[in-house]
């Protein structure tokens, strides 16, 4: 397992799907710490895909870390 990775918007042409969720899940499996540099659109996609409860669980169990920035 690798130590950590930080990802940000992967699809720069889409505000609806700025992240590749498959890639995000692979990162959570293969890296000890996965950090997302997120804006409103990324948070919206994460809530839409995982739902609030699952997203909170990922954060609490430290599979995922989010750093928020405003555009």
PDB file of N, CA and C in Angstrom:
ATOM      1  N   UNK A   1       0.844  -1.175   0.000  1.00  0.00           N
ATOM      2  CA  UNK A   1       0.000   0.000   0.000  1.00  0.00           C
ATOM      3  C   UNK A   1       0.893   1.242   0.000  1.00  0.00           C
ATOM      4  N   UNK A   2       0.554   2.186  -0.827  1.00  0.00           N
ATOM      5  CA  UNK A   2       1.285   3.445  -0.882  1.00  0.00           C
ATOM      6  C   UNK A   2       0.759   4.384   0.205  1.00  0.00           C
ATOM      7  N   UNK A   3       1.535   5.397   0.537  1.00  0.00           N
ATOM      8  CA  UNK A   3       1.219   6.238   1.687  1.00  0.00           C
ATOM      9  C   UNK A   3       0.017   7.161   1.493  1.00  0.00           C
ATOM     10  N   UNK A   4       0.045   8.013   0.466  1.00  0.00           N
ATOM     11  CA  UNK A   4      -1.050   8.966   0.303  1.00  0.00           C
ATOM     12  C   UNK A   4      -1.119   9.482  -1.129  1.00  0.00           C
ATOM     13  N   UNK A   5      -2.287  10.038  -1.450  1.00  0.00           N
ATOM     14  CA  UNK A   5      -2.490  10.669  -2.752  1.00  0.00           C
ATOM     15  C   UNK A   5      -3.483  11.812  -2.568  1.00  0.00           C
ATOM     16  N   UNK A   6      -3.304  12.856  -3.339  1.00  0.00           N
ATOM     17  CA  UNK A   6      -4.228  13.986  -3.343  1.00  0.00           C
ATOM     18  C   UNK A   6      -4.750  14.145  -4.759  1.00  0.00           C
ATOM     19  N   UNK A   7      -6.070  14.220  -4.884  1.00  0.00           N
ATOM     20  CA  UNK A   7      -6.666  14.386  -6.213  1.00  0.00           C
ATOM     21  C   UNK A   7      -7.576  15.602  -6.214  1.00  0.00           C
ATOM     22  N   UNK A   8      -7.787  16.135  -7.385  1.00  0.00           N
ATOM     23  CA  UNK A   8      -8.687  17.256  -7.571  1.00  0.00           C
ATOM     24  C   UNK A   8      -9.504  16.996  -8.833  1.00  0.00           C
ATOM     25  N   UNK A   9     -10.157  17.982  -9.305  1.00  0.00           N
ATOM     26  CA  UNK A   9     -11.026  17.846 -10.470  1.00  0.00           C
ATOM     27  C   UNK A   9     -10.304  17.136 -11.609  1.00  0.00           C
ATOM     28  N   UNK A  10     -10.887  16.026 -12.084  1.00  0.00           N
ATOM     29  CA  UNK A  10     -10.271  15.248 -13.152  1.00  0.00           C
ATOM     30  C   UNK A  10     -10.871  15.563 -14.512  1.00  0.00           C
ATOM     31  N   UNK A  11     -12.156  15.863 -14.542  1.00  0.00           N
ATOM     32  CA  UNK A  11     -12.827  16.191 -15.797  1.00  0.00           C
ATOM     33  C   UNK A  11     -13.088  17.695 -15.812  1.00  0.00           C
ATOM     34  N   UNK A  12     -12.206  18.433 -16.412  1.00  0.00           N
ATOM     35  CA  UNK A  12     -12.280  19.892 -16.374  1.00  0.00           C
ATOM     36  C   UNK A  12     -13.402  20.467 -17.247  1.00  0.00           C
ATOM     37  N   UNK A  13     -13.995  19.641 -18.095  1.00  0.00           N
ATOM     38  CA  UNK A  13     -15.060  20.120 -18.973  1.00  0.00           C
ATOM     39  C   UNK A  13     -16.447  19.926 -18.385  1.00  0.00           C
ATOM     40  N   UNK A  14     -16.565  19.208 -17.274  1.00  0.00           N
ATOM     41  CA  UNK A  14     -17.877  18.904 -16.709  1.00  0.00           C
ATOM     42  C   UNK A  14     -17.990  19.413 -15.279  1.00  0.00           C
ATOM     43  N   UNK A  15     -19.057  20.156 -15.004  1.00  0.00           N
ATOM     44  CA  UNK A  15     -19.328  20.546 -13.620  1.00  0.00           C
ATOM     45  C   UNK A  15     -20.202  19.510 -12.928  1.00  0.00           C
ATOM     46  N   UNK A  16     -20.906  18.684 -13.698  1.00  0.00           N
ATOM     47  CA  UNK A  16     -21.763  17.653 -13.108  1.00  0.00           C
ATOM     48  C   UNK A  16     -20.968  16.459 -12.601  1.00  0.00           C
ATOM     49  N   UNK A  17     -19.916  16.089 -13.319  1.00  0.00           N
ATOM     50  CA  UNK A  17     -19.105  14.920 -12.961  1.00  0.00           C
ATOM     51  C   UNK A  17     -17.616  15.275 -13.018  1.00  0.00           C
ATOM     52  N   UNK A  18     -17.156  16.114 -12.090  1.00  0.00           N
ATOM     53  CA  UNK A  18     -15.754  16.534 -12.142  1.00  0.00           C
ATOM     54  C   UNK A  18     -14.762  15.448 -11.724  1.00  0.00           C
ATOM     55  N   UNK A  19     -15.232  14.420 -10.992  1.00  0.00           N
ATOM     56  CA  UNK A  19     -14.356  13.331 -10.553  1.00  0.00           C
ATOM     57  C   UNK A  19     -14.691  12.040 -11.274  1.00  0.00           C
ATOM     58  N   UNK A  20     -13.687  11.219 -11.480  1.00  0.00           N
ATOM     59  CA  UNK A  20     -13.878   9.847 -11.939  1.00  0.00           C
ATOM     60  C   UNK A  20     -14.028   9.010 -10.671  1.00  0.00           C
ATOM     61  N   UNK A  21     -15.254   8.608 -10.349  1.00  0.00           N
ATOM     62  CA  UNK A  21     -15.529   7.906  -9.093  1.00  0.00           C
ATOM     63  C   UNK A  21     -14.777   6.578  -9.032  1.00  0.00           C
ATOM     64  N   UNK A  22     -14.645   5.884 -10.146  1.00  0.00           N
ATOM     65  CA  UNK A  22     -13.890   4.627 -10.169  1.00  0.00           C
ATOM     66  C   UNK A  22     -12.443   4.844  -9.764  1.00  0.00           C
ATOM     67  N   UNK A  23     -11.854   5.901 -10.279  1.00  0.00           N
ATOM     68  CA  UNK A  23     -10.481   6.250  -9.920  1.00  0.00           C
ATOM     69  C   UNK A  23     -10.380   6.612  -8.442  1.00  0.00           C
ATOM     70  N   UNK A  24     -11.364   7.327  -7.930  1.00  0.00           N
ATOM     71  CA  UNK A  24     -11.386   7.687  -6.509  1.00  0.00           C
ATOM     72  C   UNK A  24     -11.430   6.446  -5.626  1.00  0.00           C
ATOM     73  N   UNK A  25     -12.274   5.489  -5.974  1.00  0.00           N
ATOM     74  CA  UNK A  25     -12.390   4.260  -5.184  1.00  0.00           C
ATOM     75  C   UNK A  25     -11.091   3.458  -5.247  1.00  0.00           C
ATOM     76  N   UNK A  26     -10.464   3.392  -6.411  1.00  0.00           N
ATOM     77  CA  UNK A  26      -9.157   2.721  -6.515  1.00  0.00           C
ATOM     78  C   UNK A  26      -8.132   3.390  -5.607  1.00  0.00           C
ATOM     79  N   UNK A  27      -8.142   4.706  -5.569  1.00  0.00           N
ATOM     80  CA  UNK A  27      -7.210   5.429  -4.694  1.00  0.00           C
ATOM     81  C   UNK A  27      -7.457   5.086  -3.228  1.00  0.00           C
ATOM     82  N   UNK A  28      -8.726   4.995  -2.828  1.00  0.00           N
ATOM     83  CA  UNK A  28      -9.036   4.664  -1.434  1.00  0.00           C
ATOM     84  C   UNK A  28      -8.588   3.247  -1.088  1.00  0.00           C
ATOM     85  N   UNK A  29      -8.541   2.357  -2.080  1.00  0.00           N
ATOM     86  CA  UNK A  29      -8.095   0.977  -1.842  1.00  0.00           C
ATOM     87  C   UNK A  29      -6.572   0.902  -1.762  1.00  0.00           C
ATOM     88  N   UNK A  30      -5.879   1.569  -2.677  1.00  0.00           N
ATOM     89  CA  UNK A  30      -4.435   1.387  -2.812  1.00  0.00           C
ATOM     90  C   UNK A  30      -3.576   2.362  -2.013  1.00  0.00           C
ATOM     91  N   UNK A  31      -4.161   3.447  -1.511  1.00  0.00           N
ATOM     92  CA  UNK A  31      -3.395   4.429  -0.751  1.00  0.00           C
ATOM     93  C   UNK A  31      -3.898   4.468   0.686  1.00  0.00           C
ATOM     94  N   UNK A  32      -2.988   4.693   1.620  1.00  0.00           N
ATOM     95  CA  UNK A  32      -3.362   4.778   3.029  1.00  0.00           C
ATOM     96  C   UNK A  32      -4.231   5.991   3.315  1.00  0.00           C
ATOM     97  N   UNK A  33      -3.991   7.090   2.608  1.00  0.00           N
ATOM     98  CA  UNK A  33      -4.736   8.324   2.818  1.00  0.00           C
ATOM     99  C   UNK A  33      -5.075   8.925   1.458  1.00  0.00           C
ATOM    100  N   UNK A  34      -6.349   9.148   1.210  1.00  0.00           N
ATOM    101  CA  UNK A  34      -6.796   9.776  -0.030  1.00  0.00           C
ATOM    102  C   UNK A  34      -7.415  11.121   0.315  1.00  0.00           C
ATOM    103  N   UNK A  35      -6.851  12.175  -0.233  1.00  0.00           N
ATOM    104  CA  UNK A  35      -7.349  13.526   0.011  1.00  0.00           C
ATOM    105  C   UNK A  35      -7.907  14.084  -1.287  1.00  0.00           C
ATOM    106  N   UNK A  36      -9.089  14.689  -1.196  1.00  0.00           N
ATOM    107  CA  UNK A  36      -9.699  15.348  -2.346  1.00  0.00           C
ATOM    108  C   UNK A  36      -9.682  16.844  -2.094  1.00  0.00           C
ATOM    109  N   UNK A  37      -9.144  17.593  -3.040  1.00  0.00           N
ATOM    110  CA  UNK A  37      -9.246  19.049  -3.007  1.00  0.00           C
ATOM    111  C   UNK A  37     -10.543  19.363  -3.738  1.00  0.00           C
ATOM    112  N   UNK A  38     -11.554  19.796  -2.979  1.00  0.00           N
ATOM    113  CA  UNK A  38     -12.914  19.860  -3.512  1.00  0.00           C
ATOM    114  C   UNK A  38     -13.455  21.280  -3.569  1.00  0.00           C
ATOM    115  N   UNK A  39     -14.327  21.486  -4.538  1.00  0.00           N
ATOM    116  CA  UNK A  39     -15.132  22.696  -4.598  1.00  0.00           C
ATOM    117  C   UNK A  39     -16.598  22.252  -4.512  1.00  0.00           C
ATOM    118  N   UNK A  40     -17.515  23.186  -4.721  1.00  0.00           N
ATOM    119  CA  UNK A  40     -18.941  22.871  -4.617  1.00  0.00           C
ATOM    120  C   UNK A  40     -19.343  21.717  -5.534  1.00  0.00           C
ATOM    121  N   UNK A  41     -18.868  21.716  -6.769  1.00  0.00           N
ATOM    122  CA  UNK A  41     -19.273  20.710  -7.749  1.00  0.00           C
ATOM    123  C   UNK A  41     -18.786  19.312  -7.366  1.00  0.00           C
ATOM    124  N   UNK A  42     -17.578  19.229  -6.829  1.00  0.00           N
ATOM    125  CA  UNK A  42     -17.050  17.938  -6.391  1.00  0.00           C
ATOM    126  C   UNK A  42     -17.835  17.435  -5.184  1.00  0.00           C
ATOM    127  N   UNK A  43     -18.120  18.318  -4.215  1.00  0.00           N
ATOM    128  CA  UNK A  43     -18.915  17.906  -3.052  1.00  0.00           C
ATOM    129  C   UNK A  43     -20.302  17.433  -3.477  1.00  0.00           C
ATOM    130  N   UNK A  44     -20.898  18.144  -4.421  1.00  0.00           N
ATOM    131  CA  UNK A  44     -22.217  17.755  -4.921  1.00  0.00           C
ATOM    132  C   UNK A  44     -22.175  16.364  -5.548  1.00  0.00           C
ATOM    133  N   UNK A  45     -21.143  16.083  -6.337  1.00  0.00           N
ATOM    134  CA  UNK A  45     -21.013  14.761  -6.947  1.00  0.00           C
ATOM    135  C   UNK A  45     -20.811  13.680  -5.883  1.00  0.00           C
ATOM    136  N   UNK A  46     -19.981  13.955  -4.873  1.00  0.00           N
ATOM    137  CA  UNK A  46     -19.741  12.976  -3.809  1.00  0.00           C
ATOM    138  C   UNK A  46     -21.022  12.680  -3.035  1.00  0.00           C
ATOM    139  N   UNK A  47     -21.795  13.729  -2.683  1.00  0.00           N
ATOM    140  CA  UNK A  47     -23.067  13.521  -1.982  1.00  0.00           C
ATOM    141  C   UNK A  47     -24.047  12.746  -2.849  1.00  0.00           C
ATOM    142  N   UNK A  48     -24.065  13.063  -4.140  1.00  0.00           N
ATOM    143  CA  UNK A  48     -24.978  12.371  -5.056  1.00  0.00           C
ATOM    144  C   UNK A  48     -24.613  10.891  -5.179  1.00  0.00           C
ATOM    145  N   UNK A  49     -23.326  10.587  -5.277  1.00  0.00           N
ATOM    146  CA  UNK A  49     -22.892   9.208  -5.489  1.00  0.00           C
ATOM    147  C   UNK A  49     -22.951   8.375  -4.209  1.00  0.00           C
ATOM    148  N   UNK A  50     -22.367   8.879  -3.119  1.00  0.00           N
ATOM    149  CA  UNK A  50     -22.269   8.099  -1.886  1.00  0.00           C
ATOM    150  C   UNK A  50     -23.455   8.296  -0.950  1.00  0.00           C
ATOM    151  N   UNK A  51     -24.099   9.445  -1.010  1.00  0.00           N
ATOM    152  CA  UNK A  51     -25.108   9.785  -0.016  1.00  0.00           C
ATOM    153  C   UNK A  51     -24.422  10.332   1.229  1.00  0.00           C
ATOM    154  N   UNK A  52     -25.169  11.061   2.031  1.00  0.00           N
ATOM    155  CA  UNK A  52     -24.597  11.711   3.199  1.00  0.00           C
ATOM    156  C   UNK A  52     -24.034  10.754   4.227  1.00  0.00           C
ATOM    157  N   UNK A  53     -24.784   9.689   4.543  1.00  0.00           N
ATOM    158  CA  UNK A  53     -24.348   8.748   5.580  1.00  0.00           C
ATOM    159  C   UNK A  53     -23.067   8.014   5.192  1.00  0.00           C
ATOM    160  N   UNK A  54     -23.007   7.519   3.966  1.00  0.00           N
ATOM    161  CA  UNK A  54     -21.803   6.791   3.531  1.00  0.00           C
ATOM    162  C   UNK A  54     -20.600   7.720   3.418  1.00  0.00           C
ATOM    163  N   UNK A  55     -20.836   8.941   2.966  1.00  0.00           N
ATOM    164  CA  UNK A  55     -19.737   9.896   2.865  1.00  0.00           C
ATOM    165  C   UNK A  55     -19.187  10.221   4.254  1.00  0.00           C
ATOM    166  N   UNK A  56     -20.072  10.433   5.218  1.00  0.00           N
ATOM    167  CA  UNK A  56     -19.619  10.676   6.592  1.00  0.00           C
ATOM    168  C   UNK A  56     -18.852   9.480   7.148  1.00  0.00           C
ATOM    169  N   UNK A  57     -19.301   8.297   6.832  1.00  0.00           N
ATOM    170  CA  UNK A  57     -18.597   7.091   7.294  1.00  0.00           C
ATOM    171  C   UNK A  57     -17.186   7.013   6.702  1.00  0.00           C
ATOM    172  N   UNK A  58     -17.056   7.308   5.417  1.00  0.00           N
ATOM    173  CA  UNK A  58     -15.730   7.315   4.783  1.00  0.00           C
ATOM    174  C   UNK A  58     -14.809   8.338   5.443  1.00  0.00           C
ATOM    175  N   UNK A  59     -15.377   9.481   5.805  1.00  0.00           N
ATOM    176  CA  UNK A  59     -14.583  10.518   6.463  1.00  0.00           C
ATOM    177  C   UNK A  59     -14.209  10.113   7.886  1.00  0.00           C
ATOM    178  N   UNK A  60     -15.174   9.590   8.636  1.00  0.00           N
ATOM    179  CA  UNK A  60     -14.916   9.193  10.026  1.00  0.00           C
ATOM    180  C   UNK A  60     -13.908   8.057  10.116  1.00  0.00           C
ATOM    181  N   UNK A  61     -13.979   7.113   9.194  1.00  0.00           N
ATOM    182  CA  UNK A  61     -13.060   5.971   9.206  1.00  0.00           C
ATOM    183  C   UNK A  61     -11.746   6.292   8.486  1.00  0.00           C
ATOM    184  N   UNK A  62     -11.613   7.539   8.055  1.00  0.00           N
ATOM    185  CA  UNK A  62     -10.393   8.079   7.450  1.00  0.00           C
ATOM    186  C   UNK A  62      -9.952   7.378   6.162  1.00  0.00           C
ATOM    187  N   UNK A  63     -10.927   6.866   5.416  1.00  0.00           N
ATOM    188  CA  UNK A  63     -10.622   6.388   4.071  1.00  0.00           C
ATOM    189  C   UNK A  63     -10.479   7.576   3.127  1.00  0.00           C
ATOM    190  N   UNK A  64     -11.113   8.677   3.503  1.00  0.00           N
ATOM    191  CA  UNK A  64     -11.194   9.849   2.644  1.00  0.00           C
ATOM    192  C   UNK A  64     -11.034  11.110   3.487  1.00  0.00           C
ATOM    193  N   UNK A  65     -10.325  12.079   2.943  1.00  0.00           N
ATOM    194  CA  UNK A  65     -10.161  13.392   3.564  1.00  0.00           C
ATOM    195  C   UNK A  65     -10.537  14.422   2.506  1.00  0.00           C
ATOM    196  N   UNK A  66     -11.204  15.488   2.929  1.00  0.00           N
ATOM    197  CA  UNK A  66     -11.623  16.522   1.986  1.00  0.00           C
ATOM    198  C   UNK A  66     -11.074  17.870   2.430  1.00  0.00           C
ATOM    199  N   UNK A  67     -10.447  18.559   1.488  1.00  0.00           N
ATOM    200  CA  UNK A  67     -10.009  19.938   1.690  1.00  0.00           C
ATOM    201  C   UNK A  67     -10.878  20.779   0.763  1.00  0.00           C
ATOM    202  N   UNK A  68     -11.644  21.711   1.328  1.00  0.00           N
ATOM    203  CA  UNK A  68     -12.579  22.503   0.531  1.00  0.00           C
ATOM    204  C   UNK A  68     -11.949  23.831   0.119  1.00  0.00           C
ATOM    205  N   UNK A  69     -12.172  24.201  -1.125  1.00  0.00           N
ATOM    206  CA  UNK A  69     -11.782  25.535  -1.576  1.00  0.00           C
ATOM    207  C   UNK A  69     -12.894  26.110  -2.437  1.00  0.00           C
ATOM    208  N   UNK A  70     -13.072  27.407  -2.344  1.00  0.00           N
ATOM    209  CA  UNK A  70     -14.095  28.088  -3.136  1.00  0.00           C
ATOM    210  C   UNK A  70     -13.473  28.608  -4.424  1.00  0.00           C
ATOM    211  N   UNK A  71     -14.268  28.570  -5.497  1.00  0.00           N
ATOM    212  CA  UNK A  71     -13.767  29.093  -6.765  1.00  0.00           C
ATOM    213  C   UNK A  71     -14.127  30.549  -6.868  1.00  0.00           C
TER     214      UNK A  71
END
